[in-house]
């Protein structure tokens, strides 16, 4: 049997993307019903499917800390206390060298993500998993309202190659104090 490798590759990529979306959506709202709700507004120009998967990943990660995320596209109707994320398609080498993005925790609202750096680090379907973890990481900075990183887990300052492998397989965990600091920060919003 002669199989066209281009067609096979395209079909496999589509199937993997669909399965990743389905798996990411499962368990989406696992935070307690009375958990705090954080409005998150995001602007982006490309990769809508990857962004949708990433939103689901970030939602599941924050749900593990008893925080519910409510997503909307665009800033036009973003609530005053909403977290605003700009997913920039291009970055320059001078903008936060080596970072996938950054948050402004003392402003309590602004996040800037470099989509080109994420795509370069994790091309293909795994890009959405990395983006989801990054969204949760930066949203956590905003919610904690301080500049800090943990020794382990999602809030590490720099993710290792092993962390990237873990992200492709399942969600990264939280350091023991992350949840407490998130809820202390939420009390000041």
C-alpha atoms as a PDB file:
ATOM      1  CA  UNK A   1       0.000   0.000   0.000  1.00  0.00           C
ATOM      2  CA  UNK A   2       1.309   3.429  -0.932  1.00  0.00           C
ATOM      3  CA  UNK A   3       0.445   6.160   1.612  1.00  0.00           C
ATOM      4  CA  UNK A   4       0.914   9.818   0.822  1.00  0.00           C
ATOM      5  CA  UNK A   5       2.936  11.070   3.798  1.00  0.00           C
ATOM      6  CA  UNK A   6       1.699  14.656   3.392  1.00  0.00           C
ATOM      7  CA  UNK A   7      -1.936  13.570   3.658  1.00  0.00           C
ATOM      8  CA  UNK A   8      -1.116  11.250   6.558  1.00  0.00           C
ATOM      9  CA  UNK A   9       0.746  14.028   8.371  1.00  0.00           C
ATOM     10  CA  UNK A  10      -2.138  16.483   7.855  1.00  0.00           C
ATOM     11  CA  UNK A  11      -4.745  13.970   9.022  1.00  0.00           C
ATOM     12  CA  UNK A  12      -2.657  13.016  12.076  1.00  0.00           C
ATOM     13  CA  UNK A  13      -2.127  16.675  12.955  1.00  0.00           C
ATOM     14  CA  UNK A  14      -5.868  17.388  12.684  1.00  0.00           C
ATOM     15  CA  UNK A  15      -6.790  14.329  14.752  1.00  0.00           C
ATOM     16  CA  UNK A  16      -4.190  15.193  17.415  1.00  0.00           C
ATOM     17  CA  UNK A  17      -5.416  18.794  17.590  1.00  0.00           C
ATOM     18  CA  UNK A  18      -9.019  17.660  17.952  1.00  0.00           C
ATOM     19  CA  UNK A  19      -8.122  15.141  20.671  1.00  0.00           C
ATOM     20  CA  UNK A  20      -6.068  17.767  22.500  1.00  0.00           C
ATOM     21  CA  UNK A  21      -9.024  20.166  22.381  1.00  0.00           C
ATOM     22  CA  UNK A  22     -11.397  17.497  23.665  1.00  0.00           C
ATOM     23  CA  UNK A  23      -9.044  16.456  26.459  1.00  0.00           C
ATOM     24  CA  UNK A  24      -8.406  20.071  27.411  1.00  0.00           C
ATOM     25  CA  UNK A  25     -12.114  20.838  27.583  1.00  0.00           C
ATOM     26  CA  UNK A  26     -12.805  17.872  29.865  1.00  0.00           C
ATOM     27  CA  UNK A  27     -12.920  18.973  33.488  1.00  0.00           C
ATOM     28  CA  UNK A  28     -12.917  22.621  32.441  1.00  0.00           C
ATOM     29  CA  UNK A  29     -14.911  24.048  35.368  1.00  0.00           C
ATOM     30  CA  UNK A  30     -13.761  22.044  38.335  1.00  0.00           C
ATOM     31  CA  UNK A  31     -13.497  24.938  40.800  1.00  0.00           C
ATOM     32  CA  UNK A  32     -16.128  25.132  43.511  1.00  0.00           C
ATOM     33  CA  UNK A  33     -19.328  26.873  42.369  1.00  0.00           C
ATOM     34  CA  UNK A  34     -18.797  29.624  44.954  1.00  0.00           C
ATOM     35  CA  UNK A  35     -15.135  30.147  43.966  1.00  0.00           C
ATOM     36  CA  UNK A  36     -14.117  33.670  42.950  1.00  0.00           C
ATOM     37  CA  UNK A  37     -14.652  34.538  39.288  1.00  0.00           C
ATOM     38  CA  UNK A  38     -11.941  36.422  37.407  1.00  0.00           C
ATOM     39  CA  UNK A  39     -12.838  38.085  34.105  1.00  0.00           C
ATOM     40  CA  UNK A  40     -10.110  37.616  31.505  1.00  0.00           C
ATOM     41  CA  UNK A  41     -10.193  39.554  28.235  1.00  0.00           C
ATOM     42  CA  UNK A  42      -7.828  38.477  25.459  1.00  0.00           C
ATOM     43  CA  UNK A  43      -6.916  40.045  22.121  1.00  0.00           C
ATOM     44  CA  UNK A  44      -5.227  38.008  19.401  1.00  0.00           C
ATOM     45  CA  UNK A  45      -4.917  37.984  15.608  1.00  0.00           C
ATOM     46  CA  UNK A  46      -4.173  34.354  14.798  1.00  0.00           C
ATOM     47  CA  UNK A  47      -4.320  30.743  15.963  1.00  0.00           C
ATOM     48  CA  UNK A  48      -7.925  30.816  17.263  1.00  0.00           C
ATOM     49  CA  UNK A  49      -8.030  27.042  17.860  1.00  0.00           C
ATOM     50  CA  UNK A  50      -4.746  27.114  19.804  1.00  0.00           C
ATOM     51  CA  UNK A  51      -6.007  30.054  21.878  1.00  0.00           C
ATOM     52  CA  UNK A  52      -9.260  28.214  22.630  1.00  0.00           C
ATOM     53  CA  UNK A  53      -7.347  25.136  23.810  1.00  0.00           C
ATOM     54  CA  UNK A  54      -4.974  27.333  25.825  1.00  0.00           C
ATOM     55  CA  UNK A  55      -7.915  29.052  27.529  1.00  0.00           C
ATOM     56  CA  UNK A  56      -9.251  25.653  28.548  1.00  0.00           C
ATOM     57  CA  UNK A  57      -5.851  24.618  29.935  1.00  0.00           C
ATOM     58  CA  UNK A  58      -5.515  27.877  31.910  1.00  0.00           C
ATOM     59  CA  UNK A  59      -9.082  27.509  33.204  1.00  0.00           C
ATOM     60  CA  UNK A  60      -8.351  23.992  34.482  1.00  0.00           C
ATOM     61  CA  UNK A  61      -5.080  25.084  36.083  1.00  0.00           C
ATOM     62  CA  UNK A  62      -6.680  27.987  37.978  1.00  0.00           C
ATOM     63  CA  UNK A  63      -9.700  25.851  38.901  1.00  0.00           C
ATOM     64  CA  UNK A  64      -7.261  23.690  40.879  1.00  0.00           C
ATOM     65  CA  UNK A  65      -6.692  26.755  43.101  1.00  0.00           C
ATOM     66  CA  UNK A  66     -10.453  27.402  43.438  1.00  0.00           C
ATOM     67  CA  UNK A  67     -10.549  30.270  40.963  1.00  0.00           C
ATOM     68  CA  UNK A  68     -12.987  30.368  38.037  1.00  0.00           C
ATOM     69  CA  UNK A  69     -11.938  32.173  34.860  1.00  0.00           C
ATOM     70  CA  UNK A  70     -14.536  33.850  32.646  1.00  0.00           C
ATOM     71  CA  UNK A  71     -13.107  34.516  29.170  1.00  0.00           C
ATOM     72  CA  UNK A  72     -14.065  37.067  26.550  1.00  0.00           C
ATOM     73  CA  UNK A  73     -12.426  38.141  23.323  1.00  0.00           C
ATOM     74  CA  UNK A  74     -11.394  41.782  23.027  1.00  0.00           C
ATOM     75  CA  UNK A  75     -11.077  44.690  25.419  1.00  0.00           C
ATOM     76  CA  UNK A  76     -14.106  46.715  24.303  1.00  0.00           C
ATOM     77  CA  UNK A  77     -16.481  45.352  26.952  1.00  0.00           C
ATOM     78  CA  UNK A  78     -13.828  44.196  29.410  1.00  0.00           C
ATOM     79  CA  UNK A  79     -14.881  44.907  33.010  1.00  0.00           C
ATOM     80  CA  UNK A  80     -12.826  47.480  34.908  1.00  0.00           C
ATOM     81  CA  UNK A  81     -11.348  44.767  37.148  1.00  0.00           C
ATOM     82  CA  UNK A  82     -10.743  42.369  34.228  1.00  0.00           C
ATOM     83  CA  UNK A  83      -7.353  40.941  33.358  1.00  0.00           C
ATOM     84  CA  UNK A  84      -6.325  42.127  29.868  1.00  0.00           C
ATOM     85  CA  UNK A  85      -4.087  39.861  27.785  1.00  0.00           C
ATOM     86  CA  UNK A  86      -2.499  40.915  24.512  1.00  0.00           C
ATOM     87  CA  UNK A  87      -1.258  37.998  22.436  1.00  0.00           C
ATOM     88  CA  UNK A  88       1.276  39.752  20.192  1.00  0.00           C
ATOM     89  CA  UNK A  89       2.193  37.863  17.011  1.00  0.00           C
ATOM     90  CA  UNK A  90       5.757  39.256  16.887  1.00  0.00           C
ATOM     91  CA  UNK A  91       8.414  40.296  19.371  1.00  0.00           C
ATOM     92  CA  UNK A  92      11.768  42.008  19.140  1.00  0.00           C
ATOM     93  CA  UNK A  93      14.917  40.721  20.785  1.00  0.00           C
ATOM     94  CA  UNK A  94      14.924  43.775  23.087  1.00  0.00           C
ATOM     95  CA  UNK A  95      11.485  43.034  24.577  1.00  0.00           C
ATOM     96  CA  UNK A  96      12.017  40.959  27.724  1.00  0.00           C
ATOM     97  CA  UNK A  97      14.758  38.757  26.207  1.00  0.00           C
ATOM     98  CA  UNK A  98      14.102  35.041  26.623  1.00  0.00           C
ATOM     99  CA  UNK A  99      10.615  35.499  28.101  1.00  0.00           C
ATOM    100  CA  UNK A 100       7.424  34.088  26.599  1.00  0.00           C
ATOM    101  CA  UNK A 101       5.497  36.972  28.117  1.00  0.00           C
ATOM    102  CA  UNK A 102       5.176  39.215  31.135  1.00  0.00           C
ATOM    103  CA  UNK A 103       2.593  40.540  33.552  1.00  0.00           C
ATOM    104  CA  UNK A 104       2.257  43.852  35.348  1.00  0.00           C
ATOM    105  CA  UNK A 105       1.056  42.617  38.757  1.00  0.00           C
ATOM    106  CA  UNK A 106       1.076  46.019  40.421  1.00  0.00           C
ATOM    107  CA  UNK A 107      -1.305  47.346  37.734  1.00  0.00           C
ATOM    108  CA  UNK A 108      -3.475  44.281  38.470  1.00  0.00           C
ATOM    109  CA  UNK A 109      -4.594  43.937  34.876  1.00  0.00           C
ATOM    110  CA  UNK A 110      -2.037  43.845  32.017  1.00  0.00           C
ATOM    111  CA  UNK A 111      -0.389  40.773  30.446  1.00  0.00           C
ATOM    112  CA  UNK A 112       1.642  40.692  27.237  1.00  0.00           C
ATOM    113  CA  UNK A 113       2.371  37.347  25.519  1.00  0.00           C
ATOM    114  CA  UNK A 114       4.871  36.802  22.688  1.00  0.00           C
ATOM    115  CA  UNK A 115       3.145  34.272  20.400  1.00  0.00           C
ATOM    116  CA  UNK A 116       6.132  33.889  18.081  1.00  0.00           C
ATOM    117  CA  UNK A 117       8.376  32.750  20.940  1.00  0.00           C
ATOM    118  CA  UNK A 118       5.804  30.196  22.106  1.00  0.00           C
ATOM    119  CA  UNK A 119       5.398  28.823  18.573  1.00  0.00           C
ATOM    120  CA  UNK A 120       9.183  28.559  18.226  1.00  0.00           C
ATOM    121  CA  UNK A 121       9.517  26.718  21.561  1.00  0.00           C
ATOM    122  CA  UNK A 122       6.622  24.298  20.949  1.00  0.00           C
ATOM    123  CA  UNK A 123       5.620  24.074  17.283  1.00  0.00           C
ATOM    124  CA  UNK A 124       2.445  22.274  16.319  1.00  0.00           C
ATOM    125  CA  UNK A 125      -0.322  21.098  18.656  1.00  0.00           C
ATOM    126  CA  UNK A 126       1.912  21.296  21.770  1.00  0.00           C
ATOM    127  CA  UNK A 127       1.992  25.078  21.337  1.00  0.00           C
ATOM    128  CA  UNK A 128      -1.524  25.343  22.810  1.00  0.00           C
ATOM    129  CA  UNK A 129      -0.472  23.452  25.957  1.00  0.00           C
ATOM    130  CA  UNK A 130       2.507  25.766  26.491  1.00  0.00           C
ATOM    131  CA  UNK A 131       0.339  28.830  25.834  1.00  0.00           C
ATOM    132  CA  UNK A 132      -2.263  27.586  28.335  1.00  0.00           C
ATOM    133  CA  UNK A 133       0.369  27.115  31.026  1.00  0.00           C
ATOM    134  CA  UNK A 134       1.818  30.533  30.253  1.00  0.00           C
ATOM    135  CA  UNK A 135      -1.620  32.183  30.451  1.00  0.00           C
ATOM    136  CA  UNK A 136      -2.202  30.570  33.858  1.00  0.00           C
ATOM    137  CA  UNK A 137       1.303  31.587  35.023  1.00  0.00           C
ATOM    138  CA  UNK A 138       0.855  35.242  34.035  1.00  0.00           C
ATOM    139  CA  UNK A 139      -2.741  35.429  35.316  1.00  0.00           C
ATOM    140  CA  UNK A 140      -1.419  34.092  38.631  1.00  0.00           C
ATOM    141  CA  UNK A 141       1.095  36.955  38.787  1.00  0.00           C
ATOM    142  CA  UNK A 142      -1.809  39.391  38.380  1.00  0.00           C
ATOM    143  CA  UNK A 143      -3.960  37.618  40.987  1.00  0.00           C
ATOM    144  CA  UNK A 144      -1.127  37.346  43.501  1.00  0.00           C
ATOM    145  CA  UNK A 145      -0.438  41.080  42.971  1.00  0.00           C
ATOM    146  CA  UNK A 146       3.280  40.611  43.627  1.00  0.00           C
ATOM    147  CA  UNK A 147       6.375  39.718  41.637  1.00  0.00           C
ATOM    148  CA  UNK A 148       7.386  36.243  42.821  1.00  0.00           C
ATOM    149  CA  UNK A 149       8.181  32.789  41.542  1.00  0.00           C
ATOM    150  CA  UNK A 150       8.080  29.354  43.146  1.00  0.00           C
ATOM    151  CA  UNK A 151      10.835  26.776  43.306  1.00  0.00           C
ATOM    152  CA  UNK A 152       8.652  24.168  41.599  1.00  0.00           C
ATOM    153  CA  UNK A 153       5.593  23.814  39.409  1.00  0.00           C
ATOM    154  CA  UNK A 154       3.697  26.267  37.266  1.00  0.00           C
ATOM    155  CA  UNK A 155       5.100  29.374  38.940  1.00  0.00           C
ATOM    156  CA  UNK A 156       8.799  28.561  38.409  1.00  0.00           C
ATOM    157  CA  UNK A 157      10.731  31.481  36.923  1.00  0.00           C
ATOM    158  CA  UNK A 158      12.134  29.340  34.093  1.00  0.00           C
ATOM    159  CA  UNK A 159      10.615  26.101  32.872  1.00  0.00           C
ATOM    160  CA  UNK A 160      13.106  23.328  32.212  1.00  0.00           C
ATOM    161  CA  UNK A 161      13.012  21.003  29.188  1.00  0.00           C
ATOM    162  CA  UNK A 162      11.526  18.408  31.566  1.00  0.00           C
ATOM    163  CA  UNK A 163       8.743  20.860  32.465  1.00  0.00           C
ATOM    164  CA  UNK A 164       7.973  21.249  28.753  1.00  0.00           C
ATOM    165  CA  UNK A 165       7.696  17.470  28.417  1.00  0.00           C
ATOM    166  CA  UNK A 166       5.371  17.355  31.465  1.00  0.00           C
ATOM    167  CA  UNK A 167       3.187  20.105  29.946  1.00  0.00           C
ATOM    168  CA  UNK A 168       2.679  17.990  26.830  1.00  0.00           C
ATOM    169  CA  UNK A 169       1.591  15.012  28.940  1.00  0.00           C
ATOM    170  CA  UNK A 170      -0.441  16.643  31.736  1.00  0.00           C
ATOM    171  CA  UNK A 171      -0.799  19.889  33.656  1.00  0.00           C
ATOM    172  CA  UNK A 172       2.024  21.248  35.793  1.00  0.00           C
ATOM    173  CA  UNK A 173       1.272  21.404  39.500  1.00  0.00           C
ATOM    174  CA  UNK A 174       1.288  24.214  42.009  1.00  0.00           C
ATOM    175  CA  UNK A 175       3.755  24.984  44.771  1.00  0.00           C
ATOM    176  CA  UNK A 176       2.154  24.649  48.220  1.00  0.00           C
ATOM    177  CA  UNK A 177       1.995  28.411  48.841  1.00  0.00           C
ATOM    178  CA  UNK A 178       0.742  29.506  45.408  1.00  0.00           C
ATOM    179  CA  UNK A 179      -2.964  29.022  46.230  1.00  0.00           C
ATOM    180  CA  UNK A 180      -2.692  30.955  49.506  1.00  0.00           C
ATOM    181  CA  UNK A 181      -0.981  33.886  47.805  1.00  0.00           C
ATOM    182  CA  UNK A 182      -3.534  33.881  44.958  1.00  0.00           C
ATOM    183  CA  UNK A 183      -6.425  34.140  47.427  1.00  0.00           C
ATOM    184  CA  UNK A 184      -4.619  36.796  49.507  1.00  0.00           C
ATOM    185  CA  UNK A 185      -4.138  38.828  46.300  1.00  0.00           C
ATOM    186  CA  UNK A 186      -7.770  38.307  45.262  1.00  0.00           C
ATOM    187  CA  UNK A 187      -8.854  39.852  48.543  1.00  0.00           C
ATOM    188  CA  UNK A 188      -7.161  43.109  47.481  1.00  0.00           C
ATOM    189  CA  UNK A 189      -8.735  43.310  43.974  1.00  0.00           C
END
